[in-house]
Each structure stands twice: as structure tokens, then as C-alpha cells.
Amino acid sequence: MKALKPQVQILPIVILLLFSACDSNRLFEENYNFANKQWNVDTVPSFRFEISNPDEEYNIYWNVRNTISYPYRNLYLTYYLEDTLGRTISTDLHNMLLFDPKTGKPYGSGSGDIFSHQIMAMPEYEFDSAGVYQIRLEQYMRTDTIKDLLSIGVRVEKVE
């Protein structure tokens, strides 16, 4: 069996390093996948992450994945940010446009019938202290079950 040329063996390592370097500001990212592509009103995904340096500012994003068959142009959700003692320190209702209201063209990135969105939720957020924080997300649509929604998630990154 012939040995691979050294540059062929190194190429996957270089590609991996390039992709990891592009995301050096990410502190936390996690997604919750919905069973049967449906978000039921009683399902409340929660995400726990640690802040070690409260002197820095952080951008917090919502990650949303939906199919082209998602029946609405937007998604309403309420978030609850809880501190290290479990107290709610921030809450708000977010309206996220997933499709262009005039053309119906999907926003986000994707191909075929699945689209991914990363939507700024809390820009330049400052945490009061170091510790473990939690974000809970509740869907706030006019129906108990949202169909054709694949996942919801949270991304926390350091502001450059």
C-alpha cells in the first residue's frame, strides 16, 4: 500500500485549524432539536453556560432552523435569562422574521428546504458577575404547536 504524500496528510489538519480559528470568539453554542419538527408550547428548552470574565461584553444570538413549509413568516419567542442564583435578570419577547413578508422568500442560509438563521438577541450584553447562567426559551405564537421548526438554540460570543 502506498503512503500518502505529506501535504495530503496535513491538508485536513490545516482546514480544521482554519475553521476553528474563525470562531475564536464563541464562548457557548448549543441547539435543541424538536421531535417531529414541532415546537409544542409546553416544551421550554434551556441552555446553561459559564461566564468567567464579567468585564467583557457578549453578543447573544438565537439559532433557528426551519423548513420551507414553516407556516408563518416569523417566530415569536420569550426568553428568560437567569443568574447564578436562578433569579430572572432579563426577559423579553422577540419577533424574528424568517421569511420576507412581501415575497415569501426565506431568510437565513440554506439549500433545499431547510434554512438556518442566527439572529442577534442581546448585543453587547454585560454580565454582573462570573458564574453559570441559564437561558430558557418559550415559543409565543398563537398556536400550541409550531410545525416545521427543526431546532432552536443559543450562541454566546465575546464582542471583538
C-alpha atoms as a PDB file:
ATOM      1  CA  MET A   1       0.000   0.000   0.000  1.00  0.00           C
ATOM      2  CA  LYS A   2       1.359   3.430  -0.954  1.00  0.00           C
ATOM      3  CA  ALA A   3       1.925   6.036   1.717  1.00  0.00           C
ATOM      4  CA  LEU A   4       0.071   9.315   1.355  1.00  0.00           C
ATOM      5  CA  LYS A   5       2.088  12.348   0.403  1.00  0.00           C
ATOM      6  CA  PRO A   6       2.854  14.599   3.405  1.00  0.00           C
ATOM      7  CA  GLN A   7       0.814  17.531   2.023  1.00  0.00           C
ATOM      8  CA  VAL A   8      -2.249  15.269   1.655  1.00  0.00           C
ATOM      9  CA  GLN A   9      -1.972  14.220   5.311  1.00  0.00           C
ATOM     10  CA  ILE A  10      -1.569  17.817   6.507  1.00  0.00           C
ATOM     11  CA  LEU A  11      -4.452  19.298   4.482  1.00  0.00           C
ATOM     12  CA  PRO A  12      -7.300  18.061   6.776  1.00  0.00           C
ATOM     13  CA  ILE A  13      -5.467  19.441   9.832  1.00  0.00           C
ATOM     14  CA  VAL A  14      -4.979  22.841   8.190  1.00  0.00           C
ATOM     15  CA  ILE A  15      -8.661  23.010   7.191  1.00  0.00           C
ATOM     16  CA  LEU A  16      -9.750  22.106  10.744  1.00  0.00           C
ATOM     17  CA  LEU A  17      -7.484  24.789  12.234  1.00  0.00           C
ATOM     18  CA  LEU A  18      -8.824  27.426   9.825  1.00  0.00           C
ATOM     19  CA  PHE A  19     -12.422  26.687  10.769  1.00  0.00           C
ATOM     20  CA  SER A  20     -11.707  26.695  14.491  1.00  0.00           C
ATOM     21  CA  ALA A  21      -9.757  29.965  14.248  1.00  0.00           C
ATOM     22  CA  CYS A  22     -12.687  31.694  12.542  1.00  0.00           C
ATOM     23  CA  ASP A  23     -14.860  31.022  15.578  1.00  0.00           C
ATOM     24  CA  SER A  24     -12.479  32.022  18.366  1.00  0.00           C
ATOM     25  CA  ASN A  25     -14.964  34.467  19.945  1.00  0.00           C
ATOM     26  CA  ARG A  26     -17.582  31.779  20.569  1.00  0.00           C
ATOM     27  CA  LEU A  27     -17.984  31.025  24.247  1.00  0.00           C
ATOM     28  CA  PHE A  28     -21.049  28.772  24.006  1.00  0.00           C
ATOM     29  CA  GLU A  29     -23.334  27.385  21.331  1.00  0.00           C
ATOM     30  CA  GLU A  30     -25.989  24.719  21.709  1.00  0.00           C
ATOM     31  CA  ASN A  31     -29.151  23.796  19.826  1.00  0.00           C
ATOM     32  CA  TYR A  32     -32.258  21.928  20.932  1.00  0.00           C
ATOM     33  CA  ASN A  33     -33.728  19.647  18.243  1.00  0.00           C
ATOM     34  CA  PHE A  34     -37.506  19.309  18.247  1.00  0.00           C
ATOM     35  CA  ALA A  35     -39.119  15.900  17.918  1.00  0.00           C
ATOM     36  CA  ASN A  36     -41.254  15.561  14.783  1.00  0.00           C
ATOM     37  CA  LYS A  37     -40.225  19.070  13.618  1.00  0.00           C
ATOM     38  CA  GLN A  38     -42.682  20.644  16.082  1.00  0.00           C
ATOM     39  CA  TRP A  39     -42.285  23.068  18.984  1.00  0.00           C
ATOM     40  CA  ASN A  40     -45.045  22.402  21.499  1.00  0.00           C
ATOM     41  CA  VAL A  41     -45.925  25.202  23.895  1.00  0.00           C
ATOM     42  CA  ASP A  42     -45.049  23.030  26.901  1.00  0.00           C
ATOM     43  CA  THR A  43     -41.501  22.412  25.620  1.00  0.00           C
ATOM     44  CA  VAL A  44     -39.153  25.002  27.130  1.00  0.00           C
ATOM     45  CA  PRO A  45     -35.556  24.463  26.005  1.00  0.00           C
ATOM     46  CA  SER A  46     -32.937  25.722  28.451  1.00  0.00           C
ATOM     47  CA  PHE A  47     -29.271  26.414  27.915  1.00  0.00           C
ATOM     48  CA  ARG A  48     -26.623  26.702  30.651  1.00  0.00           C
ATOM     49  CA  PHE A  49     -23.297  28.428  30.053  1.00  0.00           C
ATOM     50  CA  GLU A  50     -20.492  29.827  32.166  1.00  0.00           C
ATOM     51  CA  ILE A  51     -19.230  33.386  32.178  1.00  0.00           C
ATOM     52  CA  SER A  52     -15.719  33.588  33.609  1.00  0.00           C
ATOM     53  CA  ASN A  53     -14.978  37.212  32.741  1.00  0.00           C
ATOM     54  CA  PRO A  54     -17.847  39.621  33.520  1.00  0.00           C
ATOM     55  CA  ASP A  55     -15.674  42.583  32.481  1.00  0.00           C
ATOM     56  CA  GLU A  56     -16.168  41.660  28.819  1.00  0.00           C
ATOM     57  CA  GLU A  57     -19.230  42.294  26.634  1.00  0.00           C
ATOM     58  CA  TYR A  58     -21.040  39.422  24.948  1.00  0.00           C
ATOM     59  CA  ASN A  59     -23.335  39.079  21.952  1.00  0.00           C
ATOM     60  CA  ILE A  60     -26.148  36.579  22.402  1.00  0.00           C
ATOM     61  CA  TYR A  61     -27.887  35.101  19.358  1.00  0.00           C
ATOM     62  CA  TRP A  62     -30.842  32.804  18.718  1.00  0.00           C
ATOM     63  CA  ASN A  63     -30.197  29.958  16.297  1.00  0.00           C
ATOM     64  CA  VAL A  64     -33.303  28.882  14.383  1.00  0.00           C
ATOM     65  CA  ARG A  65     -33.677  26.077  11.827  1.00  0.00           C
ATOM     66  CA  ASN A  66     -36.910  25.646   9.913  1.00  0.00           C
ATOM     67  CA  THR A  67     -38.195  24.034   6.748  1.00  0.00           C
ATOM     68  CA  ILE A  68     -39.546  25.882   3.740  1.00  0.00           C
ATOM     69  CA  SER A  69     -43.001  24.610   4.814  1.00  0.00           C
ATOM     70  CA  TYR A  70     -42.940  26.608   8.063  1.00  0.00           C
ATOM     71  CA  PRO A  71     -46.466  28.098   8.032  1.00  0.00           C
ATOM     72  CA  TYR A  72     -45.617  31.621   9.273  1.00  0.00           C
ATOM     73  CA  ARG A  73     -43.285  34.386   8.188  1.00  0.00           C
ATOM     74  CA  ASN A  74     -41.995  34.986  11.724  1.00  0.00           C
ATOM     75  CA  LEU A  75     -41.393  33.364  15.081  1.00  0.00           C
ATOM     76  CA  TYR A  76     -42.215  34.894  18.449  1.00  0.00           C
ATOM     77  CA  LEU A  77     -40.356  33.671  21.496  1.00  0.00           C
ATOM     78  CA  THR A  78     -39.912  34.866  25.056  1.00  0.00           C
ATOM     79  CA  TYR A  79     -36.555  34.404  26.715  1.00  0.00           C
ATOM     80  CA  TYR A  80     -35.667  34.311  30.395  1.00  0.00           C
ATOM     81  CA  LEU A  81     -32.039  34.917  31.368  1.00  0.00           C
ATOM     82  CA  GLU A  82     -31.320  33.634  34.876  1.00  0.00           C
ATOM     83  CA  ASP A  83     -28.292  34.452  37.005  1.00  0.00           C
ATOM     84  CA  THR A  84     -26.135  32.087  39.029  1.00  0.00           C
ATOM     85  CA  LEU A  85     -28.776  32.008  41.802  1.00  0.00           C
ATOM     86  CA  GLY A  86     -31.647  31.186  39.424  1.00  0.00           C
ATOM     87  CA  ARG A  87     -33.164  34.684  39.517  1.00  0.00           C
ATOM     88  CA  THR A  88     -34.536  36.082  36.258  1.00  0.00           C
ATOM     89  CA  ILE A  89     -32.367  39.089  35.409  1.00  0.00           C
ATOM     90  CA  SER A  90     -33.644  39.748  31.893  1.00  0.00           C
ATOM     91  CA  THR A  91     -36.715  38.768  29.901  1.00  0.00           C
ATOM     92  CA  ASP A  92     -38.211  39.964  26.633  1.00  0.00           C
ATOM     93  CA  LEU A  93     -40.422  38.976  23.724  1.00  0.00           C
ATOM     94  CA  HIS A  94     -38.595  38.615  20.394  1.00  0.00           C
ATOM     95  CA  ASN A  95     -40.174  38.685  16.945  1.00  0.00           C
ATOM     96  CA  MET A  96     -37.901  37.107  14.343  1.00  0.00           C
ATOM     97  CA  LEU A  97     -38.640  37.323  10.628  1.00  0.00           C
ATOM     98  CA  LEU A  98     -37.847  34.024   8.910  1.00  0.00           C
ATOM     99  CA  PHE A  99     -39.391  34.888   5.528  1.00  0.00           C
ATOM    100  CA  ASP A 100     -39.649  38.109   3.528  1.00  0.00           C
ATOM    101  CA  PRO A 101     -43.188  39.478   4.181  1.00  0.00           C
ATOM    102  CA  LYS A 102     -43.657  40.619   0.555  1.00  0.00           C
ATOM    103  CA  THR A 103     -42.011  37.893  -1.500  1.00  0.00           C
ATOM    104  CA  GLY A 104     -42.181  34.912   0.870  1.00  0.00           C
ATOM    105  CA  LYS A 105     -38.512  34.228   0.157  1.00  0.00           C
ATOM    106  CA  PRO A 106     -36.817  32.585   3.156  1.00  0.00           C
ATOM    107  CA  TYR A 107     -34.167  34.487   5.059  1.00  0.00           C
ATOM    108  CA  GLY A 108     -31.136  32.755   6.501  1.00  0.00           C
ATOM    109  CA  SER A 109     -28.770  30.348   4.889  1.00  0.00           C
ATOM    110  CA  GLY A 110     -29.634  27.010   3.451  1.00  0.00           C
ATOM    111  CA  SER A 111     -30.381  24.987   0.444  1.00  0.00           C
ATOM    112  CA  GLY A 112     -33.238  22.774  -0.480  1.00  0.00           C
ATOM    113  CA  ASP A 113     -35.982  23.045   2.092  1.00  0.00           C
ATOM    114  CA  ILE A 114     -34.012  23.688   5.319  1.00  0.00           C
ATOM    115  CA  PHE A 115     -32.906  27.154   6.416  1.00  0.00           C
ATOM    116  CA  SER A 116     -30.723  28.274   9.321  1.00  0.00           C
ATOM    117  CA  HIS A 117     -30.855  31.685  10.968  1.00  0.00           C
ATOM    118  CA  GLN A 118     -28.603  33.329  13.519  1.00  0.00           C
ATOM    119  CA  ILE A 119     -30.475  36.305  14.923  1.00  0.00           C
ATOM    120  CA  MET A 120     -28.967  38.878  17.272  1.00  0.00           C
ATOM    121  CA  ALA A 121     -30.908  38.774  20.538  1.00  0.00           C
ATOM    122  CA  MET A 122     -28.845  40.734  23.054  1.00  0.00           C
ATOM    123  CA  PRO A 123     -25.977  42.796  21.640  1.00  0.00           C
ATOM    124  CA  GLU A 124     -23.056  43.789  23.844  1.00  0.00           C
ATOM    125  CA  TYR A 125     -24.597  42.269  26.971  1.00  0.00           C
ATOM    126  CA  GLU A 126     -22.700  42.762  30.244  1.00  0.00           C
ATOM    127  CA  PHE A 127     -22.999  40.124  32.971  1.00  0.00           C
ATOM    128  CA  ASP A 128     -22.786  41.325  36.575  1.00  0.00           C
ATOM    129  CA  SER A 129     -20.607  38.523  37.867  1.00  0.00           C
ATOM    130  CA  ALA A 130     -18.814  35.336  36.915  1.00  0.00           C
ATOM    131  CA  GLY A 131     -20.777  32.107  37.173  1.00  0.00           C
ATOM    132  CA  VAL A 132     -23.207  29.778  35.433  1.00  0.00           C
ATOM    133  CA  TYR A 133     -26.153  31.423  33.693  1.00  0.00           C
ATOM    134  CA  GLN A 134     -29.210  29.901  32.075  1.00  0.00           C
ATOM    135  CA  ILE A 135     -31.454  30.984  29.210  1.00  0.00           C
ATOM    136  CA  ARG A 136     -34.916  29.446  28.836  1.00  0.00           C
ATOM    137  CA  LEU A 137     -36.859  29.894  25.591  1.00  0.00           C
ATOM    138  CA  GLU A 138     -40.648  29.699  25.266  1.00  0.00           C
ATOM    139  CA  GLN A 139     -42.492  29.858  21.983  1.00  0.00           C
ATOM    140  CA  TYR A 140     -45.064  32.641  21.992  1.00  0.00           C
ATOM    141  CA  MET A 141     -47.125  32.006  18.874  1.00  0.00           C
ATOM    142  CA  ARG A 142     -50.908  31.885  18.669  1.00  0.00           C
ATOM    143  CA  THR A 143     -50.893  28.122  18.439  1.00  0.00           C
ATOM    144  CA  ASP A 144     -49.852  25.437  20.895  1.00  0.00           C
ATOM    145  CA  THR A 145     -47.756  23.593  18.309  1.00  0.00           C
ATOM    146  CA  ILE A 146     -45.492  25.206  15.729  1.00  0.00           C
ATOM    147  CA  LYS A 147     -44.876  22.857  12.812  1.00  0.00           C
ATOM    148  CA  ASP A 148     -41.843  22.615  10.542  1.00  0.00           C
ATOM    149  CA  LEU A 149     -39.429  24.025  13.111  1.00  0.00           C
ATOM    150  CA  LEU A 150     -36.367  21.809  13.446  1.00  0.00           C
ATOM    151  CA  SER A 151     -34.380  23.430  16.245  1.00  0.00           C
ATOM    152  CA  ILE A 152     -33.811  26.469  18.426  1.00  0.00           C
ATOM    153  CA  GLY A 153     -30.551  27.387  20.045  1.00  0.00           C
ATOM    154  CA  VAL A 154     -28.373  29.930  21.789  1.00  0.00           C
ATOM    155  CA  ARG A 155     -24.955  31.261  20.869  1.00  0.00           C
ATOM    156  CA  VAL A 156     -22.878  33.420  23.237  1.00  0.00           C
ATOM    157  CA  GLU A 157     -19.752  35.087  21.918  1.00  0.00           C
ATOM    158  CA  LYS A 158     -17.285  37.701  23.106  1.00  0.00           C
ATOM    159  CA  VAL A 159     -17.588  41.102  21.450  1.00  0.00           C
ATOM    160  CA  GLU A 160     -14.461  41.869  19.432  1.00  0.00           C
END
